[in-house]
Each structure stands twice: as C-alpha cells, then as structure tokens.
Amino acid sequence: MFVVSFSPVHAQHHSGSLAPPIDFDGLKVALTTILFPEDFTSDDSNNANLSIRFFDSETNANIKSVTYRVEIFHENNLVANEYFFDEDGKLDLEIKPKTGCQEKELWKCTKYYGEKHAIAGAYYARGDSFPVIQGPVFDKSGQYNIKVSIVGATNPKTMTTKDLLFETFVSIPQKEIFLIKTANAQEYPVSIKSYNSKISNFNYDELADKISYEIHLDNEHAMQHDFISRHAVILQKDFSSFKQGYDLNVFVQGIKLEDDSIEFDISSPDQNIIRTNITHDELMQIEDKAGISNPLKVEILSGDKKVFSERNFIFENGFSANVSWDSNSDVGKKIPFTFSFFDAINKPVNEVLFAYSITDSAGKEIWSNIGTGGKYLGVLAPHGISQESILIPTQGQYKIKLILTGQNSKNFAEFLTSTADFKIGQPSMQQKTDGVPSWIKNNAGWWSNGIVGDQEFVQSIQFLMKEKILNIPATKTNPSESQEIPTWVKNNAGWWSQDLISERDFVKGIEFLVNQGIITVN
C-alpha cells in the first residue's frame, strides 16, 4: 500500500459549519456538518447528503464508534430527532425532503429508514446504504440549526459521562428563476440562489454582456461581523455571455469586488455557476466609497479572455489529468486551480477521487487536500472536474504531487502518483506603449454605462499617464470653467469598448480632457 502523508490543515468545504472544539477525555474534539450538493434546493434534486463528522481537532483523526443524537430545527420548529451510529466517526445521512406536512409539530411527519445497530440500538450505515430521513427537512429555504449530541464513543457500549452537545447549521437558499431572451430569439433560464437576501429587478444587457439584480439585506444581520451575503447565479453551459476562460467582474454599488470574493464554477457538465460572497468588511468598504443603500445593486460583466498556464499528468492505469490556472494570478492570495481527469480514450472520468500536495523549492509543503470523506481518501470530482482555491504565498518554483486515490466511492488498492514542476510569477504587466492597453476597454465600457463614476475613471487615466503606461501627446492646456465631462467623450468610450470606433477616436476624447484641465498629471 502506498502511504500518503499530508498536513490536515486545509479542508474541502461545501454548505455547512464547524462547531468549536470541546474537551472529551483529554482530547479537544470538534464536529462538522456538511450538506452536499452545495446550493441544494428541494426542487433541484429529490435528495441530499448530510455528513456529520466527529474528530480530534488537534490530529484531525476521526473518533471511532460514535452514537449520535441528531436534532434538526427550522425557525425553532423541531423537524427531525433520532439516534444514529457510525463506526468510523463520519455519519452520512440521506435526506429526502417532503412537503405538505399538516401536523402542528412537524417532527411527527418525519420518517426514518435503514438498519438498526444490534448493540447501539440506532440507525447505521451498512455497506453503501445510508440511513434515510424523509420529511419536512430542507424542504424550505432558510437556516436549519442542527444539534448533535454525542451519547457514546469508542465502542457501541461505551456511553459518555455527559452528552457532548454541538450546535451547527446549514443554510438552504431561496431560488428564483428568470428568463433571458436574446436578440436572435433564443431563451435561457437563469436561476439565482440567495442565502440571506431577497432578489429583485433582474436584468440582462446583451450588448454589454451584463447581468444585474438587486439584493435586499436584513440590516440587523448585515451589521454582524460574521455576516456574509452569499448568492449564486446558475447559467446554462451554452450561454455565451459568460463562459469558461474569461474574466468575471462583479460590482456592488459600482465598487468592484476582489477576485477572491467571486467563484466561477465550471465543474458541472450542464451549467456554470457564478458565486459571490460579500463579507461584512466588504460592505463597510462599499459604504465608505459609494454610500450604502438597501437594496444593493449587483452587476456581473464578462471580461477579457484569460491566458492559462497548465501542466499535464499521466498515470499508470492509462488515466491522465490536466491542471490549469490563470497565468496572471496574483501571489499572496488564493488562486483557482482547475483539475480535469480523463480516461484512456480521453473522455472525462466520473466519480474520480484524488488528492494533491504542493511543495516549494525547498521541499516544504505549502498546501494539500486529501478530502474530508471518512469512508474513503480523496477529493471527489463527480464529473471529472474539480476547482480548488490554493494559496500560493510568493512567486517562485513549486512542485505539485497529484494522486489518484480511487473511483466510485472506493479507494484503489494502490494509489497512482504523478508529479510536475510549475512556476508562479508576478502577473504580466502591460507593455508601455503609445497605444491604449486593451484592458482599459473594460473600464471605458463600465464608465459609459454608469457603473464606474467620472472621478474614478479620471483617476485611473491619470494614474496610467503618470506611470507612462498610457502616453498622451503634450498639448497646451486651456482650462475651462466647467469641469463636467462632455457627453460625447463618454459616448466615445462606450463605442470604443464595443469596437464601434477606432482607438484613435477614443484617445481624442482623452486628449480633449487633458486640454481642458479635467485630467492633469503632475
């Protein structure tokens, strides 16, 4: 057996939460609850997997032979209450939401299916069959509080002196569906899932490749330091305005969100998902720059085509893999890496399990992931594609070790390993030129559409001129009394961003602003 050693500090997360560690017989133990699939709603699928893991927080090792009491609440209403047992410290439950309960006490509508352990007297998983909870559980949007009491551990007969109580939660988003109609009469459904805010005023601008909508926040919750406004825009794979390989730009009240607040998930074969997470701190920054209002306007625009770096891997069983990332990614922050797996005839491999580690030039491990499954080792890629956000601390040379650990929820008898060296550098800068860098087109388009304000656009042009990235011929300045930017200059910017006029016509507008003293460079 090939032995894999990883530092268990970076975990794979879905929709769920971690309860803080407590003392148990000299150990610091913790518990997580994770709901899969992420962004689950009952009209998307008939069932979901709720995974509850009880482990030593210092070693990340599961506590064995655990008896759990699981209570699930929705808006303070008890909807499920039952005992379960699992031998390896990770309890998997199949949840089948069912609507239409007429009972005042909702838990009375909930049914449980599966085998009961002869000693523990609780439902437990046998083979590939999980205990099932069917009823008014995860059938509505909102937060579900999950109270888990550990009533026994180490073996089925050993009871804890006192129940260990952990409180966690999972959130079910509110889902709304909108219909986009394009100029050529094609129709595309767009779903928006929001966890803690209502969605309104959805709009699609085909010329600008822009989706916009408003989010209505709960002001009391938004002021809490741990607040995160989460929403996901779900698009068909063939919707051309937002596709793989292009930048995404998300604005809230005209302020651009940082890249690490945005995820473009391409792992599904049928759809792409744009996820945004707006933290309390980001809301405060938006308030400082643009003033806060409720609702907040969110605008999503497609950007420039990315240039990717990639490495290819070959395994002894004939499988292959490709790992790619944006060549212009910044170091010192998390970078999205896409892992793609193929079989011997180059078709995507479904239900593949993998692990990886990244080491620096000195051989020190800086990142790893072996998954969170208690029943198998590895990160699951259901459709052969997985996206991992990896923190690369500095530019330099690195090595990635990629390991195939199994398929179809089972580990291979022997793991398969392949390695590759790669280099992460500073993002490539635009060459200094008499022309205008192509990425300025995005700014010009946003400015013409009112997404970016006059002052912000002027400041960006002044910065480019000062750094001599943008060279505007020197002319005699004739300051005008009015510092208002003429409409024709803004129109030119919009037309240039759509390639309707030449770059030279756009530059004429900038030269005019310099001549009028509206743009100045010391």
Protein backbone atom coordinates (compact mmCIF):
# COMPACT_ATOMS: atom_id res chain seq x y z
CA MET A 1 0.00 0.00 0.00
CA PHE A 2 1.31 3.46 -0.92
CA VAL A 3 1.30 5.68 2.16
CA VAL A 4 0.37 9.36 1.71
CA SER A 5 1.40 11.95 4.30
CA PHE A 6 -0.42 15.29 4.25
CA SER A 7 -0.88 18.10 6.73
CA PRO A 8 -4.61 18.07 7.53
CA VAL A 9 -4.99 21.82 7.84
CA HIS A 10 -6.85 22.72 4.67
CA ALA A 11 -10.30 21.18 4.26
CA GLN A 12 -12.76 20.96 1.40
CA HIS A 13 -15.90 22.90 2.24
CA HIS A 14 -19.46 22.80 0.95
CA SER A 15 -22.59 24.14 2.65
CA GLY A 16 -22.11 23.59 6.36
CA SER A 17 -20.39 24.69 9.52
CA LEU A 18 -17.84 23.74 12.17
CA ALA A 19 -18.68 23.64 15.88
CA PRO A 20 -15.80 24.83 18.11
CA PRO A 21 -13.73 22.17 19.94
CA ILE A 22 -14.65 20.98 23.44
CA ASP A 23 -12.85 18.72 25.93
CA PHE A 24 -13.55 14.97 25.83
CA ASP A 25 -11.44 12.62 27.96
CA GLY A 26 -8.32 14.76 27.46
CA LEU A 27 -8.96 15.33 23.76
CA LYS A 28 -10.09 18.50 22.02
CA VAL A 29 -12.89 17.23 19.86
CA ALA A 30 -14.92 19.09 17.23
CA LEU A 31 -17.80 18.38 14.88
CA THR A 32 -18.71 19.47 11.37
CA THR A 33 -21.94 19.24 9.42
CA ILE A 34 -21.75 19.46 5.63
CA LEU A 35 -24.59 19.37 3.13
CA PHE A 36 -23.96 18.13 -0.39
CA PRO A 37 -24.62 19.14 -3.12
CA GLU A 38 -23.69 22.72 -2.46
CA ASP A 39 -26.54 25.19 -3.15
CA PHE A 40 -29.06 22.35 -2.67
CA THR A 41 -32.76 23.12 -3.03
CA SER A 42 -35.54 20.54 -2.97
CA ASP A 43 -36.78 21.39 -6.48
CA ASP A 44 -33.30 20.66 -7.91
CA SER A 45 -32.99 17.16 -6.50
CA ASN A 46 -35.01 14.62 -4.56
CA ASN A 47 -32.30 14.00 -2.00
CA ALA A 48 -29.20 15.46 -0.37
CA ASN A 49 -26.37 14.07 1.74
CA LEU A 50 -25.86 15.41 5.27
CA SER A 51 -22.44 14.44 6.56
CA ILE A 52 -21.65 14.72 10.29
CA ARG A 53 -18.04 14.21 11.33
CA PHE A 54 -16.74 13.86 14.93
CA PHE A 55 -12.96 14.20 15.22
CA ASP A 56 -9.89 15.15 17.25
CA SER A 57 -9.29 18.79 16.31
CA GLU A 58 -5.53 18.57 17.00
CA THR A 59 -4.76 15.47 14.90
CA ASN A 60 -7.78 15.62 12.52
CA ALA A 61 -8.36 11.91 13.25
CA ASN A 62 -11.95 10.69 13.45
CA ILE A 63 -13.27 9.37 16.77
CA LYS A 64 -14.41 5.79 16.23
CA SER A 65 -17.69 4.04 17.03
CA VAL A 66 -19.90 7.04 17.77
CA THR A 67 -23.57 7.15 18.77
CA TYR A 68 -25.20 10.44 17.81
CA ARG A 69 -28.48 12.06 18.68
CA VAL A 70 -29.38 14.38 15.80
CA GLU A 71 -31.99 17.12 16.20
CA ILE A 72 -32.80 19.41 13.27
CA PHE A 73 -34.71 22.67 13.70
CA HIS A 74 -36.15 25.12 11.18
CA GLU A 75 -37.29 28.50 12.55
CA ASN A 76 -37.30 26.98 16.05
CA ASN A 77 -39.54 24.12 14.91
CA LEU A 78 -38.20 20.62 15.51
CA VAL A 79 -38.34 18.70 12.21
CA ALA A 80 -36.18 15.62 12.97
CA ASN A 81 -34.99 13.84 16.12
CA GLU A 82 -33.32 10.42 16.05
CA TYR A 83 -30.30 8.33 17.16
CA PHE A 84 -27.64 7.13 14.72
CA PHE A 85 -24.46 5.10 14.98
CA ASP A 86 -21.34 5.05 12.83
CA GLU A 87 -18.16 3.06 13.22
CA ASP A 88 -15.64 5.42 11.64
CA GLY A 89 -16.68 8.77 13.14
CA LYS A 90 -18.30 10.13 9.98
CA LEU A 91 -22.05 9.76 9.76
CA ASP A 92 -23.67 10.08 6.32
CA LEU A 93 -27.42 10.61 6.20
CA GLU A 94 -29.60 10.70 3.09
CA ILE A 95 -32.17 13.48 3.37
CA LYS A 96 -35.37 13.22 1.32
CA PRO A 97 -37.33 16.48 1.69
CA LYS A 98 -41.11 16.07 1.68
CA THR A 99 -43.62 18.91 1.68
CA GLY A 100 -47.24 19.03 2.75
CA CYS A 101 -46.97 18.20 6.45
CA GLN A 102 -50.23 19.16 8.18
CA GLU A 103 -49.07 18.40 11.72
CA LYS A 104 -48.57 21.32 14.08
CA GLU A 105 -45.45 19.57 15.40
CA LEU A 106 -43.53 18.98 12.18
CA TRP A 107 -41.29 16.22 13.55
CA LYS A 108 -44.34 13.94 13.64
CA CYS A 109 -44.29 13.86 9.80
CA THR A 110 -40.67 12.72 9.63
CA LYS A 111 -39.88 9.07 8.90
CA TYR A 112 -36.61 7.15 9.28
CA TYR A 113 -35.40 4.22 7.20
CA GLY A 114 -32.43 1.88 7.41
CA GLU A 115 -30.97 -0.83 9.62
CA LYS A 116 -30.58 -0.52 13.38
CA HIS A 117 -27.35 -1.49 15.09
CA ALA A 118 -27.89 -4.54 17.34
CA ILE A 119 -25.90 -3.09 20.26
CA ALA A 120 -26.19 0.67 19.86
CA GLY A 121 -29.89 0.48 19.02
CA ALA A 122 -29.53 3.31 16.49
CA TYR A 123 -29.80 3.58 12.71
CA TYR A 124 -26.45 3.00 10.98
CA ALA A 125 -24.89 2.71 7.55
CA ARG A 126 -24.34 -0.78 6.20
CA GLY A 127 -22.27 -1.10 3.06
CA ASP A 128 -23.28 1.61 0.60
CA SER A 129 -26.71 2.06 2.20
CA PHE A 130 -27.12 5.16 4.39
CA PRO A 131 -29.85 5.85 6.96
CA VAL A 132 -32.65 7.93 5.42
CA ILE A 133 -34.56 10.87 6.91
CA GLN A 134 -37.74 11.70 4.98
CA GLY A 135 -39.98 14.60 5.93
CA PRO A 136 -40.15 18.40 6.21
CA VAL A 137 -36.32 18.65 6.34
CA PHE A 138 -34.53 21.04 3.93
CA ASP A 139 -37.79 21.43 2.01
CA LYS A 140 -37.86 25.21 2.58
CA SER A 141 -35.27 27.96 2.32
CA GLY A 142 -33.61 29.39 5.39
CA GLN A 143 -31.27 28.30 8.14
CA TYR A 144 -31.58 24.86 9.72
CA ASN A 145 -29.99 24.51 13.16
CA ILE A 146 -28.54 21.08 13.78
CA LYS A 147 -27.93 19.99 17.37
CA VAL A 148 -25.76 16.89 17.64
CA SER A 149 -25.31 15.16 20.98
CA ILE A 150 -22.54 12.56 21.31
CA VAL A 151 -24.02 9.97 23.68
CA GLY A 152 -21.43 7.26 23.11
CA ALA A 153 -17.98 6.92 21.62
CA THR A 154 -15.04 4.48 21.25
CA ASN A 155 -17.39 1.46 21.03
CA PRO A 156 -21.16 0.93 20.93
CA LYS A 157 -21.35 0.05 24.62
CA THR A 158 -19.32 2.98 25.98
CA MET A 159 -21.51 5.92 26.96
CA THR A 160 -20.11 9.37 27.68
CA THR A 161 -20.43 10.54 31.28
CA LYS A 162 -22.34 13.52 29.96
CA ASP A 163 -23.68 14.09 26.47
CA LEU A 164 -21.39 16.27 24.36
CA LEU A 165 -23.56 18.85 22.63
CA PHE A 166 -22.51 20.54 19.39
CA GLU A 167 -24.60 23.14 17.60
CA THR A 168 -24.11 23.74 13.89
CA PHE A 169 -26.24 24.86 10.96
CA VAL A 170 -26.74 24.52 7.24
CA SER A 171 -28.47 27.05 5.00
CA ILE A 172 -30.89 26.31 2.19
CA PRO A 173 -31.01 29.15 -0.36
CA GLN A 174 -34.04 30.88 -1.77
CA LYS A 175 -34.26 30.18 -5.50
CA GLU A 176 -35.73 32.42 -8.20
CA ILE A 177 -35.80 31.72 -11.94
CA PHE A 178 -35.62 34.42 -14.62
CA LEU A 179 -35.83 34.08 -18.39
CA ILE A 180 -33.31 35.76 -20.68
CA LYS A 181 -34.30 36.46 -24.28
CA THR A 182 -31.50 37.26 -26.71
CA ALA A 183 -31.66 39.29 -29.91
CA ASN A 184 -31.75 36.12 -32.02
CA ALA A 185 -34.84 34.92 -30.11
CA GLN A 186 -33.03 32.32 -28.01
CA GLU A 187 -34.27 31.85 -24.45
CA TYR A 188 -32.13 30.90 -21.46
CA PRO A 189 -33.37 30.28 -17.91
CA VAL A 190 -31.20 31.87 -15.22
CA SER A 191 -31.53 30.78 -11.60
CA ILE A 192 -30.36 32.94 -8.72
CA LYS A 193 -29.99 31.35 -5.29
CA SER A 194 -29.65 33.68 -2.33
CA TYR A 195 -28.97 32.61 1.25
CA ASN A 196 -29.83 35.69 3.30
CA SER A 197 -31.25 38.32 0.98
CA LYS A 198 -34.13 38.71 -1.46
CA ILE A 199 -33.52 39.22 -5.19
CA SER A 200 -35.36 41.77 -7.35
CA ASN A 201 -35.05 43.82 -10.56
CA PHE A 202 -33.20 41.20 -12.56
CA ASN A 203 -31.97 42.46 -15.93
CA TYR A 204 -29.79 41.22 -18.79
CA ASP A 205 -27.99 43.66 -21.11
CA GLU A 206 -26.94 41.69 -24.18
CA LEU A 207 -24.80 44.47 -25.70
CA ALA A 208 -22.77 44.89 -22.53
CA ASP A 209 -22.76 41.16 -21.63
CA LYS A 210 -24.08 42.19 -18.22
CA ILE A 211 -26.43 40.65 -15.68
CA SER A 212 -27.71 42.90 -12.92
CA TYR A 213 -30.06 42.50 -9.98
CA GLU A 214 -30.72 43.96 -6.56
CA ILE A 215 -30.30 42.26 -3.19
CA HIS A 216 -32.38 43.24 -0.17
CA LEU A 217 -30.39 42.74 3.03
CA ASP A 218 -31.59 42.26 6.58
CA ASN A 219 -29.92 45.33 8.11
CA GLU A 220 -29.64 43.76 11.56
CA HIS A 221 -27.84 40.68 10.25
CA ALA A 222 -25.71 42.68 7.80
CA MET A 223 -24.17 44.63 10.68
CA GLN A 224 -22.86 41.48 12.35
CA HIS A 225 -19.12 40.90 11.87
CA ASP A 226 -19.56 37.30 10.67
CA PHE A 227 -22.19 38.27 8.08
CA ILE A 228 -21.70 37.03 4.50
CA SER A 229 -24.17 37.75 1.71
CA ARG A 230 -23.99 34.65 -0.48
CA HIS A 231 -25.68 34.24 -3.83
CA ALA A 232 -25.21 32.04 -6.87
CA VAL A 233 -26.16 32.74 -10.49
CA ILE A 234 -26.72 29.49 -12.40
CA LEU A 235 -26.40 29.59 -16.19
CA GLN A 236 -26.74 27.02 -18.95
CA LYS A 237 -23.41 25.80 -20.28
CA ASP A 238 -24.15 27.13 -23.78
CA PHE A 239 -25.00 30.66 -22.61
CA SER A 240 -22.24 32.53 -24.45
CA SER A 241 -22.12 35.78 -22.45
CA PHE A 242 -20.40 34.07 -19.51
CA LYS A 243 -18.18 31.17 -20.40
CA GLN A 244 -15.09 29.34 -19.28
CA GLY A 245 -11.78 31.05 -19.91
CA TYR A 246 -12.91 34.66 -19.44
CA ASP A 247 -12.55 37.04 -16.53
CA LEU A 248 -15.57 37.92 -14.42
CA ASN A 249 -16.09 41.38 -12.96
CA VAL A 250 -18.66 41.87 -10.21
CA PHE A 251 -19.70 45.32 -8.97
CA VAL A 252 -21.77 46.19 -5.91
CA GLN A 253 -22.99 49.79 -5.92
CA GLY A 254 -20.36 50.46 -8.61
CA ILE A 255 -17.49 49.14 -6.46
CA LYS A 256 -15.60 46.19 -7.95
CA LEU A 257 -15.36 43.11 -5.71
CA GLU A 258 -11.99 41.45 -5.16
CA ASP A 259 -11.40 38.27 -7.16
CA ASP A 260 -11.35 36.09 -4.03
CA SER A 261 -14.99 37.07 -3.39
CA ILE A 262 -16.00 35.51 -6.73
CA GLU A 263 -16.02 31.89 -7.87
CA PHE A 264 -16.80 30.72 -11.39
CA ASP A 265 -17.68 27.04 -11.02
CA ILE A 266 -17.43 25.09 -14.28
CA SER A 267 -17.38 21.58 -12.78
CA SER A 268 -20.92 20.65 -13.87
CA PRO A 269 -21.35 19.30 -17.44
CA ASP A 270 -24.65 21.17 -17.88
CA GLN A 271 -24.24 24.54 -16.19
CA ASN A 272 -21.83 27.21 -14.98
CA ILE A 273 -22.29 28.83 -11.57
CA ILE A 274 -21.15 32.32 -10.57
CA ARG A 275 -20.86 32.50 -6.78
CA THR A 276 -20.30 35.75 -4.90
CA ASN A 277 -19.63 36.15 -1.19
CA ILE A 278 -19.88 39.70 0.19
CA THR A 279 -18.49 39.92 3.72
CA HIS A 280 -19.31 42.43 6.43
CA ASP A 281 -15.92 44.13 5.88
CA GLU A 282 -16.60 44.48 2.15
CA LEU A 283 -19.99 46.00 2.87
CA MET A 284 -18.30 48.57 5.12
CA GLN A 285 -15.80 49.40 2.34
CA ILE A 286 -18.65 49.81 -0.14
CA GLU A 287 -20.39 52.14 2.30
CA ASP A 288 -17.21 54.23 2.65
CA LYS A 289 -16.73 54.54 -1.12
CA ALA A 290 -20.23 54.67 -2.53
CA GLY A 291 -22.56 55.08 0.39
CA ILE A 292 -24.74 52.21 1.50
CA SER A 293 -28.30 51.67 0.46
CA ASN A 294 -30.78 48.86 0.62
CA PRO A 295 -31.31 47.23 -1.81
CA LEU A 296 -27.77 46.92 -3.21
CA LYS A 297 -27.27 46.79 -6.96
CA VAL A 298 -25.12 43.88 -8.18
CA GLU A 299 -23.70 43.90 -11.72
CA ILE A 300 -21.85 40.97 -13.31
CA LEU A 301 -19.89 41.55 -16.52
CA SER A 302 -17.80 39.28 -18.69
CA GLY A 303 -14.19 40.42 -19.02
CA ASP A 304 -11.13 39.69 -21.12
CA LYS A 305 -10.08 36.24 -22.26
CA LYS A 306 -7.64 34.67 -19.82
CA VAL A 307 -4.27 33.18 -20.66
CA PHE A 308 -3.82 29.88 -18.82
CA SER A 309 -0.78 28.00 -17.61
CA GLU A 310 -1.20 24.25 -17.41
CA ARG A 311 0.52 21.00 -16.53
CA ASN A 312 -0.36 17.51 -17.78
CA PHE A 313 -0.13 14.29 -15.78
CA ILE A 314 -0.07 10.63 -16.87
CA PHE A 315 -0.94 7.70 -14.58
CA GLU A 316 -0.06 4.01 -14.86
CA ASN A 317 -3.70 2.93 -15.34
CA GLY A 318 -3.98 4.99 -18.54
CA PHE A 319 -5.79 7.91 -16.90
CA SER A 320 -4.48 11.43 -17.44
CA ALA A 321 -5.06 14.80 -15.81
CA ASN A 322 -4.69 18.46 -16.63
CA VAL A 323 -4.20 21.18 -14.03
CA SER A 324 -4.64 24.79 -15.20
CA TRP A 325 -4.64 28.28 -13.67
CA ASP A 326 -4.71 31.91 -14.80
CA SER A 327 -1.18 32.95 -15.80
CA ASN A 328 -1.78 36.46 -14.46
CA SER A 329 -2.87 35.38 -10.98
CA ASP A 330 -1.54 37.34 -8.03
CA VAL A 331 0.58 35.53 -5.45
CA GLY A 332 -0.17 36.03 -1.76
CA LYS A 333 -3.84 35.15 -2.25
CA LYS A 334 -5.84 32.08 -3.21
CA ILE A 335 -5.62 31.13 -6.88
CA PRO A 336 -8.30 28.96 -8.57
CA PHE A 337 -6.75 25.77 -9.97
CA THR A 338 -8.86 23.53 -12.23
CA PHE A 339 -8.21 19.76 -12.06
CA SER A 340 -9.55 17.76 -15.04
CA PHE A 341 -9.35 13.96 -15.31
CA PHE A 342 -9.60 11.77 -18.42
CA ASP A 343 -9.65 8.04 -19.16
CA ALA A 344 -7.53 6.15 -21.67
CA ILE A 345 -9.67 7.36 -24.60
CA ASN A 346 -9.62 10.96 -23.34
CA LYS A 347 -13.18 11.03 -22.00
CA PRO A 348 -13.90 12.72 -18.64
CA VAL A 349 -13.70 10.33 -15.70
CA ASN A 350 -16.79 10.42 -13.49
CA GLU A 351 -16.74 9.94 -9.71
CA VAL A 352 -12.94 10.12 -9.54
CA LEU A 353 -11.15 10.54 -6.20
CA PHE A 354 -7.87 12.41 -5.97
CA ALA A 355 -5.51 14.11 -3.52
CA TYR A 356 -2.68 16.54 -4.04
CA SER A 357 0.08 18.42 -2.28
CA ILE A 358 2.18 21.42 -3.32
CA THR A 359 5.73 21.98 -2.12
CA ASP A 360 8.06 24.94 -2.61
CA SER A 361 11.61 24.86 -4.00
CA ALA A 362 12.95 23.87 -0.55
CA GLY A 363 10.61 20.87 -0.41
CA LYS A 364 8.32 22.42 2.24
CA GLU A 365 4.64 21.60 1.84
CA ILE A 366 2.59 24.79 1.46
CA TRP A 367 -0.82 23.32 0.59
CA SER A 368 -2.59 19.97 0.41
CA ASN A 369 -6.01 18.37 0.25
CA ILE A 370 -6.92 14.74 0.87
CA GLY A 371 -10.67 15.35 1.07
CA THR A 372 -12.96 15.00 4.05
CA GLY A 373 -14.56 11.63 3.39
CA GLY A 374 -14.32 9.29 6.36
CA LYS A 375 -15.19 6.28 4.20
CA TYR A 376 -12.59 7.00 1.52
CA LEU A 377 -9.47 9.08 1.00
CA GLY A 378 -9.64 11.78 -1.63
CA VAL A 379 -11.44 14.80 -3.05
CA LEU A 380 -14.46 13.76 -5.11
CA ALA A 381 -14.80 15.10 -8.66
CA PRO A 382 -18.28 13.84 -9.68
CA HIS A 383 -17.93 14.83 -13.34
CA GLY A 384 -14.15 14.64 -13.67
CA ILE A 385 -13.57 18.34 -12.97
CA SER A 386 -12.80 19.97 -9.63
CA GLN A 387 -11.82 23.54 -8.79
CA GLU A 388 -9.53 24.17 -5.83
CA SER A 389 -8.62 27.58 -4.39
CA ILE A 390 -4.94 27.32 -3.41
CA LEU A 391 -2.87 29.89 -1.55
CA ILE A 392 0.49 30.42 -3.27
CA PRO A 393 2.46 32.66 -0.87
CA THR A 394 5.23 34.02 -3.11
CA GLN A 395 6.40 33.86 -6.70
CA GLY A 396 8.84 31.05 -7.44
CA GLN A 397 9.23 27.40 -8.35
CA TYR A 398 6.83 24.79 -6.97
CA LYS A 399 6.06 21.08 -7.36
CA ILE A 400 2.60 19.52 -7.40
CA LYS A 401 2.09 15.87 -6.50
CA LEU A 402 -1.21 14.59 -7.89
CA ILE A 403 -2.54 11.27 -6.62
CA LEU A 404 -5.42 9.17 -7.94
CA THR A 405 -6.89 7.53 -4.86
CA GLY A 406 -9.99 5.83 -6.23
CA GLN A 407 -13.27 5.95 -8.09
CA ASN A 408 -16.98 5.41 -7.36
CA SER A 409 -16.60 5.98 -3.60
CA LYS A 410 -13.92 3.27 -3.26
CA ASN A 411 -10.18 3.64 -2.87
CA PHE A 412 -7.76 1.83 -5.17
CA ALA A 413 -5.67 -0.94 -3.61
CA GLU A 414 -2.64 1.07 -4.70
CA PHE A 415 -2.68 4.82 -5.28
CA LEU A 416 -1.32 6.26 -8.52
CA THR A 417 1.02 9.24 -8.40
CA SER A 418 2.30 11.78 -10.90
CA THR A 419 4.27 14.99 -10.32
CA ALA A 420 5.08 18.18 -12.21
CA ASP A 421 7.05 21.34 -11.58
CA PHE A 422 5.48 24.74 -12.17
CA LYS A 423 6.31 28.37 -11.66
CA ILE A 424 4.15 31.16 -10.34
CA GLY A 425 5.32 34.69 -11.12
CA GLN A 426 4.03 38.19 -10.82
CA PRO A 427 1.15 39.00 -13.19
CA SER A 428 2.42 40.10 -16.57
CA MET A 429 2.23 43.88 -16.86
CA GLN A 430 1.05 45.64 -19.95
CA GLN A 431 3.93 46.89 -22.04
CA LYS A 432 4.36 50.64 -22.14
CA THR A 433 3.11 51.80 -25.47
CA ASP A 434 1.78 54.80 -27.28
CA GLY A 435 -1.44 52.83 -27.65
CA VAL A 436 -4.05 52.11 -25.04
CA PRO A 437 -3.74 48.81 -23.11
CA SER A 438 -6.58 46.53 -24.18
CA TRP A 439 -7.87 46.01 -20.65
CA ILE A 440 -8.76 49.72 -20.46
CA LYS A 441 -11.67 48.86 -22.78
CA ASN A 442 -13.50 47.26 -19.86
CA ASN A 443 -13.11 50.41 -17.75
CA ALA A 444 -14.30 52.57 -20.64
CA GLY A 445 -17.39 50.40 -21.12
CA TRP A 446 -18.21 50.43 -17.40
CA TRP A 447 -17.78 54.21 -17.30
CA SER A 448 -20.07 54.76 -20.28
CA ASN A 449 -22.71 52.54 -18.67
CA GLY A 450 -22.54 54.45 -15.39
CA ILE A 451 -21.06 51.55 -13.42
CA VAL A 452 -17.82 53.47 -12.79
CA GLY A 453 -18.11 57.14 -11.81
CA ASP A 454 -16.47 60.10 -13.57
CA GLN A 455 -13.96 60.67 -10.78
CA GLU A 456 -12.88 57.04 -10.64
CA PHE A 457 -12.40 56.91 -14.42
CA VAL A 458 -10.42 60.18 -14.49
CA GLN A 459 -8.20 58.96 -11.64
CA SER A 460 -7.47 55.71 -13.47
CA ILE A 461 -6.46 57.59 -16.65
CA GLN A 462 -4.27 59.97 -14.60
CA PHE A 463 -2.53 57.01 -12.97
CA LEU A 464 -1.83 55.35 -16.35
CA MET A 465 -0.43 58.59 -17.73
CA LYS A 466 1.73 59.19 -14.65
CA GLU A 467 3.18 55.67 -14.91
CA LYS A 468 3.67 56.22 -18.67
CA ILE A 469 1.59 53.16 -19.47
CA LEU A 470 -0.68 55.46 -21.48
CA ASN A 471 1.10 58.19 -23.43
CA ILE A 472 -0.99 61.21 -24.46
CA PRO A 473 0.78 63.82 -26.64
CA ALA A 474 1.60 67.02 -24.73
CA THR A 475 -0.66 69.91 -25.67
CA LYS A 476 -1.20 73.42 -24.39
CA THR A 477 -3.76 73.35 -21.58
CA ASN A 478 -6.75 75.67 -21.84
CA PRO A 479 -8.64 75.07 -18.60
CA SER A 480 -12.37 75.63 -18.88
CA GLU A 481 -14.59 76.91 -16.10
CA SER A 482 -16.72 73.78 -16.28
CA GLN A 483 -15.12 70.52 -15.16
CA GLU A 484 -18.04 68.50 -16.45
CA ILE A 485 -17.12 65.77 -18.93
CA PRO A 486 -18.98 66.22 -22.24
CA THR A 487 -21.44 63.51 -23.20
CA TRP A 488 -19.64 62.85 -26.48
CA VAL A 489 -16.46 61.77 -24.63
CA LYS A 490 -18.39 59.20 -22.59
CA ASN A 491 -20.22 58.01 -25.71
CA ASN A 492 -16.88 57.55 -27.47
CA ALA A 493 -15.66 55.43 -24.58
CA GLY A 494 -18.70 53.18 -24.82
CA TRP A 495 -18.47 52.85 -28.60
CA TRP A 496 -14.74 52.06 -28.41
CA SER A 497 -15.38 49.36 -25.79
CA GLN A 498 -17.75 47.74 -28.33
CA ASP A 499 -15.26 48.17 -31.22
CA LEU A 500 -17.61 50.57 -32.99
CA ILE A 501 -14.95 53.29 -33.32
CA SER A 502 -11.16 53.25 -33.50
CA GLU A 503 -8.75 53.53 -30.60
CA ARG A 504 -7.56 56.84 -32.03
CA ASP A 505 -11.10 58.27 -31.75
CA PHE A 506 -11.18 57.28 -28.09
CA VAL A 507 -7.76 58.86 -27.44
CA LYS A 508 -9.04 62.13 -28.96
CA GLY A 509 -11.57 62.28 -26.13
CA ILE A 510 -8.80 61.79 -23.53
CA GLU A 511 -6.69 64.49 -25.23
CA PHE A 512 -9.66 66.86 -25.00
CA LEU A 513 -10.00 66.20 -21.24
CA VAL A 514 -6.27 66.91 -20.79
CA ASN A 515 -6.53 70.09 -22.85
CA GLN A 516 -9.48 71.27 -20.71
CA GLY A 517 -7.60 70.59 -17.48
CA ILE A 518 -10.10 67.92 -16.40
CA ILE A 519 -7.30 65.33 -16.47
CA THR A 520 -4.00 66.53 -15.04
CA VAL A 521 -0.72 64.76 -14.35
CA ASN A 522 1.94 66.37 -12.17
